Amino acid sequence: MSFDLAVWFEPGRVSASAAAETYKSLCDGGPSAAGVVANDAVTAFHRALVVDFPELPESAADFSQAEASPWTAGLDVSDAHVIMPISWGRADATATAVLDLAGRHGLVCFDPQAEVLHLPPALRGTDGGVEGPDGADALSLQPCVGLKIEDPDLDVIERAVRRLSPENWFLILEKPNGRFVQVGQGPDAGVAVGEFAVEHRDGSMERHYRCVLNDRDQVTAIFTEFASGAEAWSVDARWESLWA
């Protein structure tokens, strides 16, 4: 079993749901079935990728090359896409490097484990992004488990809240200038099993608040409304100041 990532070119912003369909089609029928087209950036990405992370050797006798490779099997490569099966033990460092490399080549990177699409800088803040007061490209989402997501759309944010669990227990959504909303679930966050500790900071330490909720839907609403730049949240919560 491996931690997989897929890279391809998109001319415009697409949703994570659409990317999931593309990924499934790539796995089932290749680039022609998925509707992705050849792009020089994909070839350049692959060329740079194997410099730092060499492919597995054809012969099992070359142990040094095998140890240098993070892959669990051969890469699925065409001039339109690259699918990478990464060893779980090396997933954190390798995935971070893959994501950075894809962004530098203007390619999208899809994480099928979390069903998250990572956009290159050129597609961040375009139509489909979250239109907050500081621009969509100001948002970043950091889960407990997984890669940081720049410019997440509301669907990605909502699914990240839905994925909270005792193992994946916190989530942080940030804007510039010290503004964020974060949530922790259960005992690791200092609350009971099934409860959510939510914190909101609006810039300064004096404007740092906390509440405890039992309803995941309420947590989802707080995150999506914060992302959208709503001045008044719909959730009726008892917010306590953390400023002593």
Protein backbone atom coordinates (compact mmCIF):
# COMPACT_ATOMS: atom_id res chain seq x y z
CA MET A 1 0.00 0.00 0.00
CA SER A 2 1.29 3.45 -0.88
CA PHE A 3 0.56 7.14 -0.49
CA ASP A 4 -0.28 8.27 -4.01
CA LEU A 5 -0.11 11.66 -5.70
CA ALA A 6 -1.03 12.59 -9.27
CA VAL A 7 0.12 15.57 -11.32
CA TRP A 8 -1.25 16.96 -14.58
CA PHE A 9 -1.95 20.27 -16.33
CA GLU A 10 -5.21 22.21 -16.05
CA PRO A 11 -5.73 25.40 -18.09
CA GLY A 12 -8.06 26.83 -15.44
CA ARG A 13 -9.19 26.27 -11.91
CA VAL A 14 -11.13 23.04 -11.27
CA SER A 15 -12.79 21.69 -8.15
CA ALA A 16 -11.46 18.86 -6.02
CA SER A 17 -14.51 16.81 -7.02
CA ALA A 18 -13.72 17.24 -10.71
CA ALA A 19 -10.08 16.36 -10.03
CA ALA A 20 -11.18 13.17 -8.27
CA GLU A 21 -13.04 12.11 -11.41
CA THR A 22 -9.98 12.91 -13.53
CA TYR A 23 -7.78 10.86 -11.22
CA LYS A 24 -10.14 7.88 -11.36
CA SER A 25 -10.16 8.05 -15.16
CA LEU A 26 -6.34 8.24 -15.22
CA CYS A 27 -6.13 5.11 -13.09
CA ASP A 28 -8.76 3.26 -15.12
CA GLY A 29 -8.01 4.30 -18.67
CA GLY A 30 -5.08 6.70 -18.88
CA PRO A 31 -4.87 10.31 -20.06
CA SER A 32 -7.15 9.90 -23.10
CA ALA A 33 -9.95 8.58 -20.88
CA ALA A 34 -9.36 11.36 -18.35
CA GLY A 35 -9.34 14.12 -20.96
CA VAL A 36 -5.96 15.51 -19.89
CA VAL A 37 -3.68 16.65 -22.67
CA ALA A 38 0.06 16.57 -23.22
CA ASN A 39 1.97 19.53 -21.88
CA ASP A 40 5.69 20.31 -21.88
CA ALA A 41 5.45 21.21 -18.20
CA VAL A 42 4.56 17.59 -17.34
CA THR A 43 7.67 16.31 -19.11
CA ALA A 44 9.82 18.93 -17.38
CA PHE A 45 8.28 18.03 -14.02
CA HIS A 46 9.01 14.34 -14.49
CA ARG A 47 12.58 15.04 -15.61
CA ALA A 48 13.23 17.15 -12.49
CA LEU A 49 11.41 14.70 -10.21
CA VAL A 50 13.60 11.69 -10.98
CA VAL A 51 16.76 13.72 -10.46
CA ASP A 52 15.93 14.06 -6.78
CA PHE A 53 13.83 10.89 -6.45
CA PRO A 54 15.13 8.24 -8.87
CA GLU A 55 12.88 5.55 -10.26
CA LEU A 56 13.17 2.04 -8.89
CA PRO A 57 15.93 0.05 -10.59
CA GLU A 58 14.97 -2.55 -13.15
CA SER A 59 17.23 -5.05 -11.40
CA ALA A 60 16.71 -5.93 -7.75
CA ALA A 61 20.49 -6.23 -7.48
CA ASP A 62 20.96 -2.44 -7.43
CA PHE A 63 20.20 -1.98 -3.74
CA SER A 64 21.70 1.52 -3.47
CA GLN A 65 19.35 2.93 -6.12
CA ALA A 66 16.39 1.13 -4.57
CA GLU A 67 17.16 2.65 -1.17
CA ALA A 68 17.42 6.12 -2.71
CA SER A 69 13.97 5.83 -4.27
CA PRO A 70 10.82 6.69 -2.27
CA TRP A 71 8.56 4.83 -4.70
CA THR A 72 6.86 1.51 -3.96
CA ALA A 73 6.44 0.74 -7.68
CA GLY A 74 7.19 2.27 -11.05
CA LEU A 75 5.78 5.69 -11.83
CA ASP A 76 2.75 5.90 -14.14
CA VAL A 77 4.01 8.45 -16.66
CA SER A 78 2.84 9.97 -19.93
CA ASP A 79 3.39 13.36 -21.54
CA ALA A 80 0.12 14.42 -19.90
CA HIS A 81 0.34 13.05 -16.35
CA VAL A 82 2.47 11.46 -13.62
CA ILE A 83 1.09 9.22 -10.86
CA MET A 84 3.50 8.55 -7.99
CA PRO A 85 3.16 5.67 -5.45
CA ILE A 86 5.11 6.88 -2.42
CA SER A 87 6.24 4.73 0.49
CA TRP A 88 4.27 5.69 3.61
CA GLY A 89 7.50 5.91 5.58
CA ARG A 90 8.77 8.66 3.25
CA ALA A 91 5.45 10.26 2.38
CA ASP A 92 5.82 13.50 4.35
CA ALA A 93 9.10 14.70 2.88
CA THR A 94 8.50 13.34 -0.62
CA ALA A 95 4.95 14.68 -0.92
CA THR A 96 6.05 18.15 0.19
CA ALA A 97 8.78 18.17 -2.46
CA VAL A 98 6.38 16.89 -5.15
CA LEU A 99 3.86 19.57 -4.30
CA ASP A 100 6.49 22.31 -4.51
CA LEU A 101 7.83 20.97 -7.81
CA ALA A 102 4.35 20.72 -9.33
CA GLY A 103 3.62 24.31 -8.32
CA ARG A 104 6.85 25.56 -9.88
CA HIS A 105 5.88 23.87 -13.17
CA GLY A 106 2.31 25.22 -13.10
CA LEU A 107 0.70 21.81 -12.58
CA VAL A 108 -2.10 20.68 -10.31
CA CYS A 109 -1.34 17.96 -7.74
CA PHE A 110 -4.14 15.68 -6.53
CA ASP A 111 -4.06 13.80 -3.23
CA PRO A 112 -6.57 10.92 -3.53
CA GLN A 113 -6.20 9.92 0.12
CA ALA A 114 -7.75 13.19 1.33
CA GLU A 115 -9.46 14.04 -2.00
CA VAL A 116 -7.65 17.37 -2.01
CA LEU A 117 -6.48 19.27 -5.08
CA HIS A 118 -3.40 21.46 -4.70
CA LEU A 119 -3.38 24.33 -7.18
CA PRO A 120 -0.28 25.99 -8.65
CA PRO A 121 0.16 29.70 -7.81
CA ALA A 122 -1.18 30.80 -11.21
CA LEU A 123 -4.60 29.26 -10.48
CA ARG A 124 -4.98 30.50 -6.92
CA GLY A 125 -7.45 33.29 -6.41
CA THR A 126 -9.18 32.70 -9.75
CA ASP A 127 -12.89 32.04 -10.22
CA GLY A 128 -14.03 29.32 -7.86
CA GLY A 129 -11.87 30.41 -4.98
CA VAL A 130 -13.18 31.72 -1.69
CA GLU A 131 -13.76 35.43 -1.99
CA GLY A 132 -12.75 36.78 1.40
CA PRO A 133 -11.99 40.45 2.10
CA ASP A 134 -8.29 39.93 1.49
CA GLY A 135 -8.59 37.86 -1.67
CA ALA A 136 -8.93 34.13 -2.11
CA ASP A 137 -5.21 33.51 -2.33
CA ALA A 138 -4.77 34.64 1.30
CA LEU A 139 -6.36 31.49 2.77
CA SER A 140 -4.39 28.45 3.87
CA LEU A 141 -5.67 25.27 5.49
CA GLN A 142 -3.45 23.08 7.69
CA PRO A 143 -4.82 19.69 8.79
CA CYS A 144 -3.28 17.56 11.52
CA VAL A 145 -2.66 14.81 8.95
CA GLY A 146 -1.76 15.77 5.40
CA LEU A 147 -0.30 18.61 3.41
CA LYS A 148 -1.01 22.30 3.83
CA ILE A 149 -3.57 23.51 1.29
CA GLU A 150 -3.25 26.98 -0.25
CA ASP A 151 -6.42 28.74 -1.44
CA PRO A 152 -8.88 25.96 -0.53
CA ASP A 153 -12.43 26.21 -1.83
CA LEU A 154 -15.42 25.79 0.46
CA ASP A 155 -15.88 22.13 -0.51
CA VAL A 156 -12.31 21.32 0.54
CA ILE A 157 -12.74 23.19 3.83
CA GLU A 158 -15.99 21.42 4.62
CA ARG A 159 -14.56 17.98 3.86
CA ALA A 160 -11.53 18.73 6.03
CA VAL A 161 -13.84 19.39 8.98
CA ARG A 162 -15.73 16.18 8.21
CA ARG A 163 -12.45 14.24 8.30
CA LEU A 164 -11.61 15.25 11.87
CA SER A 165 -11.04 12.18 14.03
CA PRO A 166 -9.15 11.13 17.17
CA GLU A 167 -6.07 10.55 14.95
CA ASN A 168 -6.60 13.61 12.73
CA TRP A 169 -7.69 15.84 15.56
CA PHE A 170 -7.00 19.47 14.64
CA LEU A 171 -7.47 21.84 11.73
CA ILE A 172 -6.35 25.45 11.21
CA LEU A 173 -7.68 27.91 8.61
CA GLU A 174 -5.58 31.08 8.38
CA LYS A 175 -5.74 34.52 6.82
CA PRO A 176 -3.00 37.17 6.97
CA ASN A 177 -2.26 39.44 9.92
CA GLY A 178 -2.88 36.93 12.71
CA ARG A 179 -6.44 35.98 11.82
CA PHE A 180 -7.43 32.34 12.03
CA VAL A 181 -10.03 29.84 13.12
CA GLN A 182 -8.92 26.48 14.46
CA VAL A 183 -10.56 23.42 15.95
CA GLY A 184 -9.37 20.53 18.06
CA GLN A 185 -11.37 17.39 18.72
CA GLY A 186 -11.56 15.38 21.93
CA PRO A 187 -9.06 14.93 24.77
CA ASP A 188 -6.05 16.08 22.73
CA ALA A 189 -7.78 19.46 22.53
CA GLY A 190 -8.64 19.50 26.23
CA VAL A 191 -12.33 18.63 25.80
CA ALA A 192 -14.46 15.51 26.15
CA VAL A 193 -14.77 12.78 23.54
CA GLY A 194 -17.16 14.01 20.84
CA GLU A 195 -16.62 17.68 21.65
CA PHE A 196 -14.85 20.32 19.57
CA ALA A 197 -12.76 23.17 20.98
CA VAL A 198 -12.95 26.05 18.48
CA GLU A 199 -10.72 29.12 18.64
CA HIS A 200 -11.00 32.32 16.64
CA ARG A 201 -8.42 35.08 16.57
CA ASP A 202 -9.09 38.31 14.74
CA GLY A 203 -5.62 39.85 14.53
CA SER A 204 -4.50 40.84 18.01
CA MET A 205 -4.18 38.73 21.17
CA GLU A 206 -6.97 40.78 22.73
CA ARG A 207 -9.34 39.40 20.08
CA HIS A 208 -8.71 35.70 20.69
CA TYR A 209 -11.79 33.67 21.65
CA ARG A 210 -12.73 30.06 22.34
CA CYS A 211 -15.91 28.04 22.48
CA VAL A 212 -16.78 24.35 22.90
CA LEU A 213 -19.29 22.71 20.56
CA ASN A 214 -20.86 19.28 20.26
CA ASP A 215 -22.14 19.61 16.71
CA ARG A 216 -19.78 19.05 13.75
CA ASP A 217 -22.20 20.94 11.49
CA GLN A 218 -21.71 24.04 13.63
CA VAL A 219 -17.93 23.70 13.33
CA THR A 220 -18.28 23.40 9.57
CA ALA A 221 -20.43 26.53 9.45
CA ILE A 222 -17.88 28.52 11.46
CA PHE A 223 -15.05 27.51 9.13
CA THR A 224 -16.91 28.17 5.89
CA GLU A 225 -18.30 31.50 7.07
CA PHE A 226 -14.86 32.62 8.24
CA ALA A 227 -13.49 31.65 4.83
CA SER A 228 -16.20 33.61 3.06
CA GLY A 229 -15.50 36.73 5.07
CA ALA A 230 -18.85 36.78 6.86
CA GLU A 231 -18.90 39.51 9.50
CA ALA A 232 -21.59 37.83 11.59
CA TRP A 233 -21.53 34.05 11.96
CA SER A 234 -24.78 32.12 12.05
CA VAL A 235 -23.66 29.73 14.80
CA ASP A 236 -24.98 30.59 18.25
CA ALA A 237 -21.94 29.81 20.39
CA ARG A 238 -20.68 30.95 23.77
CA TRP A 239 -17.33 32.57 22.93
CA GLU A 240 -14.97 33.21 25.85
CA SER A 241 -12.00 35.54 25.64
CA LEU A 242 -8.55 33.95 26.00
CA TRP A 243 -7.01 37.34 26.76
CA ALA A 244 -6.12 37.48 30.43
